[in-house]
Each structure stands twice: as structure tokens, then as C-alpha cells.
């Protein structure tokens, strides 16, 4: 149910992409109290991006989940920014995050909706 899309202009080599996605998946499962088997993470590295008119390292994260409470977003923002800093050396002021609470009827999986 949680889906995190990470888009960044940082190029990733070797297994760095896999490590980032695995760490993000674990972080979301633990932070949202959801089974990791339902967490999906996608990654688009090396994407041409500008932020504030500058091409320095940056990232846009889009997190969607069923039952995502607004009260959880400040802590999630902090944790996700820390992950971007640790894994990609992107400072928090160069990360945008969109959060979306998706209604159950608008989330499909396994030939049905939740």
C-alpha cells in the first residue's frame, strides 16, 4: 500500500540503487506500521533536474499510502530527508516530498481494491 517514488539527478552506480530502495522500503514499513510485503519503492536516478535554478544534487519524493495521517508527515519528512542525506549526500533543503493519503477504493491490488 505505501508507494514511494524517488526521482533524483544523482547518478547511482553498482548496487547503490538497490541499497537505497531496500533502506527506503524498510523505513516506510517501520514508520507506517505496514507489512513490508506491501511497500513499493521506485527510483529514477540521473534525471535532469533543477531546484532553485541550480543543478546541484536534489531529489523529489512522492509518498502515497492508504491511511497516511497528517500527524505522521513531519517525522516521515525528517526520516526521508535523513535517508537522502546519508545515501545520496543531498541536504534536506534540496528535497521536496509530496504526501498523499489515498482512499481505499482508489487503490487497486491483486485484481481488487482495498
N, C-alpha and C. Protein backbone atom coordinates (compact mmCIF):
# COMPACT_ATOMS: atom_id res chain seq x y z
N UNK A 1 0.80 -1.19 0.00
CA UNK A 1 0.00 0.00 0.00
C UNK A 1 0.85 1.26 0.00
N UNK A 2 1.87 1.38 0.82
CA UNK A 2 2.72 2.55 0.64
C UNK A 2 3.53 2.44 -0.65
N UNK A 3 3.58 3.55 -1.37
CA UNK A 3 4.38 3.62 -2.59
C UNK A 3 5.23 4.88 -2.51
N UNK A 4 6.53 4.72 -2.65
CA UNK A 4 7.46 5.84 -2.65
C UNK A 4 8.19 5.88 -3.98
N UNK A 5 8.03 7.00 -4.68
CA UNK A 5 8.78 7.24 -5.92
C UNK A 5 9.86 8.26 -5.61
N UNK A 6 11.10 7.89 -5.91
CA UNK A 6 12.24 8.77 -5.69
C UNK A 6 12.80 9.16 -7.05
N UNK A 7 12.84 10.46 -7.31
CA UNK A 7 13.45 10.98 -8.53
C UNK A 7 14.60 11.88 -8.10
N UNK A 8 15.76 11.66 -8.68
CA UNK A 8 16.93 12.44 -8.31
C UNK A 8 17.84 12.65 -9.52
N UNK A 9 18.64 13.70 -9.44
CA UNK A 9 19.62 13.92 -10.50
C UNK A 9 20.97 13.27 -10.15
N UNK A 10 21.03 12.61 -9.03
CA UNK A 10 22.26 11.93 -8.61
C UNK A 10 22.39 10.60 -9.38
N UNK A 11 23.52 10.37 -10.04
CA UNK A 11 23.72 9.07 -10.69
C UNK A 11 24.07 8.03 -9.63
N UNK A 12 23.55 6.84 -9.79
CA UNK A 12 23.85 5.76 -8.85
C UNK A 12 24.54 4.64 -9.60
N UNK A 13 25.60 4.12 -9.00
CA UNK A 13 26.39 3.06 -9.62
C UNK A 13 26.29 1.78 -8.81
N UNK A 14 26.51 0.66 -9.49
CA UNK A 14 26.54 -0.63 -8.81
C UNK A 14 25.27 -0.93 -8.06
N UNK A 15 25.44 -1.44 -6.85
CA UNK A 15 24.27 -1.83 -6.08
C UNK A 15 23.74 -0.70 -5.19
N UNK A 16 24.20 0.53 -5.41
CA UNK A 16 23.74 1.68 -4.62
C UNK A 16 22.24 1.89 -4.77
N UNK A 17 21.72 1.68 -5.97
CA UNK A 17 20.28 1.85 -6.19
C UNK A 17 19.49 0.82 -5.38
N UNK A 18 19.93 -0.43 -5.41
CA UNK A 18 19.25 -1.47 -4.64
C UNK A 18 19.31 -1.18 -3.15
N UNK A 19 20.44 -0.73 -2.65
CA UNK A 19 20.57 -0.41 -1.22
C UNK A 19 19.63 0.72 -0.82
N UNK A 20 19.56 1.75 -1.65
CA UNK A 20 18.67 2.87 -1.36
C UNK A 20 17.22 2.40 -1.31
N UNK A 21 16.80 1.62 -2.30
CA UNK A 21 15.41 1.16 -2.33
C UNK A 21 15.10 0.25 -1.15
N UNK A 22 16.01 -0.64 -0.80
CA UNK A 22 15.79 -1.53 0.35
C UNK A 22 15.69 -0.73 1.65
N UNK A 23 16.56 0.24 1.84
CA UNK A 23 16.51 1.05 3.05
C UNK A 23 15.24 1.87 3.12
N UNK A 24 14.81 2.42 1.99
CA UNK A 24 13.57 3.19 1.95
C UNK A 24 12.37 2.30 2.25
N UNK A 25 12.37 1.09 1.71
CA UNK A 25 11.27 0.15 1.96
C UNK A 25 11.16 -0.20 3.44
N UNK A 26 12.28 -0.50 4.05
CA UNK A 26 12.29 -0.83 5.48
C UNK A 26 11.86 0.36 6.32
N UNK A 27 12.36 1.54 5.98
CA UNK A 27 11.99 2.76 6.71
C UNK A 27 10.48 2.98 6.67
N UNK A 28 9.88 2.83 5.49
CA UNK A 28 8.44 3.04 5.36
C UNK A 28 7.64 2.01 6.13
N UNK A 29 8.02 0.75 6.01
CA UNK A 29 7.29 -0.30 6.73
C UNK A 29 7.31 -0.04 8.23
N UNK A 30 8.48 0.30 8.75
CA UNK A 30 8.60 0.55 10.19
C UNK A 30 7.88 1.82 10.60
N UNK A 31 8.02 2.88 9.83
CA UNK A 31 7.44 4.17 10.19
C UNK A 31 5.92 4.18 10.09
N UNK A 32 5.39 3.44 9.12
CA UNK A 32 3.94 3.44 8.89
C UNK A 32 3.24 2.24 9.53
N UNK A 33 4.02 1.31 10.08
CA UNK A 33 3.42 0.13 10.70
C UNK A 33 2.71 -0.76 9.69
N UNK A 34 3.24 -0.83 8.49
CA UNK A 34 2.66 -1.65 7.41
C UNK A 34 3.61 -2.80 7.12
N UNK A 35 3.07 -3.95 6.72
CA UNK A 35 3.95 -5.06 6.33
C UNK A 35 4.79 -4.66 5.11
N UNK A 36 6.07 -4.98 5.16
CA UNK A 36 6.95 -4.58 4.06
C UNK A 36 6.56 -5.26 2.75
N UNK A 37 5.86 -6.36 2.83
CA UNK A 37 5.45 -7.04 1.58
C UNK A 37 4.50 -6.20 0.75
N UNK A 38 3.89 -5.15 1.36
CA UNK A 38 3.00 -4.26 0.63
C UNK A 38 3.67 -2.95 0.23
N UNK A 39 4.92 -2.75 0.59
CA UNK A 39 5.62 -1.49 0.29
C UNK A 39 6.27 -1.59 -1.10
N UNK A 40 6.07 -0.54 -1.90
CA UNK A 40 6.70 -0.47 -3.22
C UNK A 40 7.54 0.80 -3.28
N UNK A 41 8.74 0.66 -3.82
CA UNK A 41 9.64 1.81 -4.00
C UNK A 41 10.13 1.81 -5.44
N UNK A 42 10.06 2.96 -6.07
CA UNK A 42 10.65 3.10 -7.40
C UNK A 42 11.72 4.19 -7.34
N UNK A 43 12.67 4.09 -8.25
CA UNK A 43 13.79 5.01 -8.25
C UNK A 43 14.11 5.44 -9.68
N UNK A 44 14.22 6.75 -9.87
CA UNK A 44 14.62 7.31 -11.14
C UNK A 44 15.88 8.15 -10.89
N UNK A 45 17.06 7.53 -10.96
CA UNK A 45 18.30 8.30 -10.76
C UNK A 45 18.72 9.00 -12.04
N UNK A 46 19.70 9.88 -11.87
CA UNK A 46 20.33 10.54 -13.01
C UNK A 46 19.32 11.26 -13.92
N UNK A 47 18.28 11.83 -13.30
CA UNK A 47 17.24 12.54 -14.02
C UNK A 47 17.62 14.03 -14.08
N UNK A 48 17.62 14.64 -15.26
CA UNK A 48 17.93 16.07 -15.30
C UNK A 48 16.93 16.84 -14.44
N UNK A 49 17.45 17.61 -13.46
CA UNK A 49 16.60 18.37 -12.54
C UNK A 49 17.29 19.66 -12.14
N UNK A 50 16.49 20.69 -11.90
CA UNK A 50 16.94 21.95 -11.31
C UNK A 50 16.09 22.19 -10.08
N UNK A 51 16.69 22.75 -9.05
CA UNK A 51 15.94 23.18 -7.88
C UNK A 51 16.51 24.54 -7.47
N UNK A 52 15.65 25.53 -7.39
CA UNK A 52 16.11 26.88 -7.09
C UNK A 52 17.02 27.43 -8.17
N UNK A 53 16.83 26.95 -9.40
CA UNK A 53 17.65 27.40 -10.52
C UNK A 53 19.04 26.80 -10.56
N UNK A 54 19.30 25.85 -9.66
CA UNK A 54 20.63 25.23 -9.57
C UNK A 54 20.56 23.74 -9.88
N UNK A 55 21.54 23.21 -10.62
CA UNK A 55 21.55 21.78 -10.94
C UNK A 55 22.24 20.91 -9.88
N UNK A 56 22.55 21.48 -8.71
CA UNK A 56 23.19 20.69 -7.64
C UNK A 56 22.29 19.51 -7.26
N UNK A 57 22.87 18.55 -6.58
CA UNK A 57 22.14 17.34 -6.18
C UNK A 57 20.81 17.70 -5.52
N UNK A 58 19.75 17.04 -5.98
CA UNK A 58 18.40 17.30 -5.49
C UNK A 58 17.56 16.03 -5.64
N UNK A 59 16.41 16.02 -4.98
CA UNK A 59 15.51 14.87 -5.10
C UNK A 59 14.07 15.32 -4.87
N UNK A 60 13.17 14.63 -5.55
CA UNK A 60 11.73 14.78 -5.33
C UNK A 60 11.21 13.41 -4.94
N UNK A 61 10.50 13.35 -3.81
CA UNK A 61 9.92 12.10 -3.33
C UNK A 61 8.41 12.24 -3.34
N UNK A 62 7.74 11.20 -3.78
CA UNK A 62 6.28 11.16 -3.80
C UNK A 62 5.86 9.94 -3.00
N UNK A 63 5.25 10.17 -1.83
CA UNK A 63 4.82 9.07 -0.96
C UNK A 63 3.30 9.03 -0.92
N UNK A 64 2.76 7.89 -1.31
CA UNK A 64 1.31 7.66 -1.29
C UNK A 64 1.04 6.43 -0.45
N UNK A 65 -0.03 6.50 0.34
CA UNK A 65 -0.37 5.35 1.18
C UNK A 65 -1.83 5.45 1.61
N UNK A 66 -2.43 4.32 1.86
CA UNK A 66 -3.75 4.28 2.46
C UNK A 66 -3.60 4.56 3.94
N UNK A 67 -4.40 5.47 4.46
CA UNK A 67 -4.37 5.77 5.88
C UNK A 67 -3.13 6.51 6.33
N UNK A 68 -2.63 7.41 5.50
CA UNK A 68 -1.45 8.19 5.86
C UNK A 68 -1.90 9.41 6.67
N UNK A 69 -1.69 9.38 7.97
CA UNK A 69 -2.16 10.51 8.78
C UNK A 69 -1.26 11.73 8.64
N UNK A 70 -1.88 12.91 8.59
CA UNK A 70 -1.10 14.15 8.50
C UNK A 70 -0.14 14.28 9.67
N UNK A 71 -0.53 13.75 10.81
CA UNK A 71 0.32 13.86 12.00
C UNK A 71 1.64 13.10 11.85
N UNK A 72 1.70 12.15 10.91
CA UNK A 72 2.91 11.36 10.69
C UNK A 72 3.87 12.01 9.70
N UNK A 73 3.40 12.99 8.94
CA UNK A 73 4.23 13.52 7.86
C UNK A 73 5.46 14.29 8.33
N UNK A 74 5.41 15.04 9.44
CA UNK A 74 6.65 15.71 9.86
C UNK A 74 7.79 14.73 10.17
N UNK A 75 7.49 13.66 10.89
CA UNK A 75 8.53 12.67 11.21
C UNK A 75 8.98 11.94 9.96
N UNK A 76 8.05 11.62 9.06
CA UNK A 76 8.42 10.97 7.81
C UNK A 76 9.31 11.88 6.97
N UNK A 77 8.99 13.16 6.93
CA UNK A 77 9.81 14.10 6.17
C UNK A 77 11.23 14.11 6.71
N UNK A 78 11.36 14.16 8.01
CA UNK A 78 12.69 14.16 8.62
C UNK A 78 13.45 12.87 8.29
N UNK A 79 12.80 11.73 8.44
CA UNK A 79 13.46 10.44 8.19
C UNK A 79 13.85 10.29 6.72
N UNK A 80 12.96 10.69 5.82
CA UNK A 80 13.26 10.56 4.40
C UNK A 80 14.38 11.52 3.99
N UNK A 81 14.39 12.73 4.54
CA UNK A 81 15.48 13.66 4.25
C UNK A 81 16.81 13.13 4.79
N UNK A 82 16.78 12.53 5.96
CA UNK A 82 18.00 11.93 6.51
C UNK A 82 18.50 10.80 5.62
N UNK A 83 17.56 10.02 5.06
CA UNK A 83 17.93 8.94 4.15
C UNK A 83 18.59 9.50 2.90
N UNK A 84 18.03 10.58 2.34
CA UNK A 84 18.61 11.20 1.15
C UNK A 84 20.00 11.76 1.46
N UNK A 85 20.18 12.31 2.64
CA UNK A 85 21.49 12.84 3.04
C UNK A 85 22.51 11.71 3.17
N UNK A 86 22.11 10.66 3.86
CA UNK A 86 23.03 9.55 4.14
C UNK A 86 23.38 8.76 2.88
N UNK A 87 22.39 8.50 2.05
CA UNK A 87 22.60 7.62 0.89
C UNK A 87 23.05 8.38 -0.37
N UNK A 88 22.60 9.64 -0.52
CA UNK A 88 22.88 10.37 -1.76
C UNK A 88 23.62 11.69 -1.55
N UNK A 89 23.91 12.03 -0.30
CA UNK A 89 24.57 13.29 0.04
C UNK A 89 23.77 14.51 -0.42
N UNK A 90 22.44 14.40 -0.36
CA UNK A 90 21.55 15.51 -0.69
C UNK A 90 21.08 16.13 0.62
N UNK A 91 21.31 17.43 0.78
CA UNK A 91 20.88 18.09 2.00
C UNK A 91 19.35 18.25 2.02
N UNK A 92 18.80 18.33 3.21
CA UNK A 92 17.34 18.39 3.38
C UNK A 92 16.71 19.57 2.65
N UNK A 93 17.44 20.67 2.52
CA UNK A 93 16.89 21.84 1.85
C UNK A 93 16.88 21.70 0.33
N UNK A 94 17.31 20.54 -0.17
CA UNK A 94 17.28 20.25 -1.62
C UNK A 94 16.36 19.08 -1.93
N UNK A 95 15.43 18.78 -0.98
CA UNK A 95 14.50 17.66 -1.13
C UNK A 95 13.07 18.17 -1.00
N UNK A 96 12.24 17.88 -1.97
CA UNK A 96 10.79 18.11 -1.88
C UNK A 96 10.13 16.75 -1.69
N UNK A 97 9.10 16.71 -0.84
CA UNK A 97 8.34 15.47 -0.62
C UNK A 97 6.86 15.79 -0.72
N UNK A 98 6.16 15.04 -1.55
CA UNK A 98 4.70 15.11 -1.62
C UNK A 98 4.14 13.91 -0.87
N UNK A 99 3.17 14.17 -0.01
CA UNK A 99 2.49 13.11 0.73
C UNK A 99 1.04 13.04 0.26
N UNK A 100 0.52 11.83 0.09
CA UNK A 100 -0.87 11.66 -0.31
C UNK A 100 -1.49 10.48 0.42
N UNK A 101 -2.63 10.74 1.06
CA UNK A 101 -3.43 9.68 1.68
C UNK A 101 -4.45 9.24 0.64
N UNK A 102 -4.32 8.02 0.16
CA UNK A 102 -5.17 7.53 -0.92
C UNK A 102 -6.35 6.76 -0.33
N UNK A 103 -7.58 7.10 -0.73
CA UNK A 103 -8.74 6.34 -0.25
C UNK A 103 -8.65 4.87 -0.68
N UNK A 104 -9.12 3.98 0.19
CA UNK A 104 -9.04 2.53 -0.09
C UNK A 104 -9.65 2.15 -1.44
N UNK A 105 -10.77 2.77 -1.78
CA UNK A 105 -11.46 2.43 -3.03
C UNK A 105 -10.68 2.86 -4.26
N UNK A 106 -9.67 3.72 -4.08
CA UNK A 106 -8.87 4.20 -5.21
C UNK A 106 -7.49 3.56 -5.26
N UNK A 107 -7.30 2.48 -4.52
CA UNK A 107 -6.01 1.77 -4.51
C UNK A 107 -6.29 0.32 -4.88
N UNK A 108 -5.80 -0.10 -6.05
CA UNK A 108 -6.01 -1.46 -6.51
C UNK A 108 -4.81 -2.35 -6.28
N UNK A 109 -5.07 -3.60 -6.06
CA UNK A 109 -4.02 -4.61 -5.88
C UNK A 109 -4.66 -5.98 -6.04
N UNK A 110 -3.97 -6.87 -6.72
CA UNK A 110 -4.37 -8.26 -6.82
C UNK A 110 -5.78 -8.42 -7.40
N UNK A 111 -6.11 -7.57 -8.38
CA UNK A 111 -7.39 -7.68 -9.06
C UNK A 111 -8.57 -7.12 -8.29
N UNK A 112 -8.30 -6.37 -7.22
CA UNK A 112 -9.39 -5.78 -6.43
C UNK A 112 -8.90 -4.46 -5.84
N UNK A 113 -9.72 -3.82 -5.04
CA UNK A 113 -9.31 -2.64 -4.31
C UNK A 113 -9.34 -2.96 -2.82
N UNK A 114 -8.75 -2.09 -2.04
CA UNK A 114 -8.71 -2.30 -0.60
C UNK A 114 -9.98 -1.82 0.05
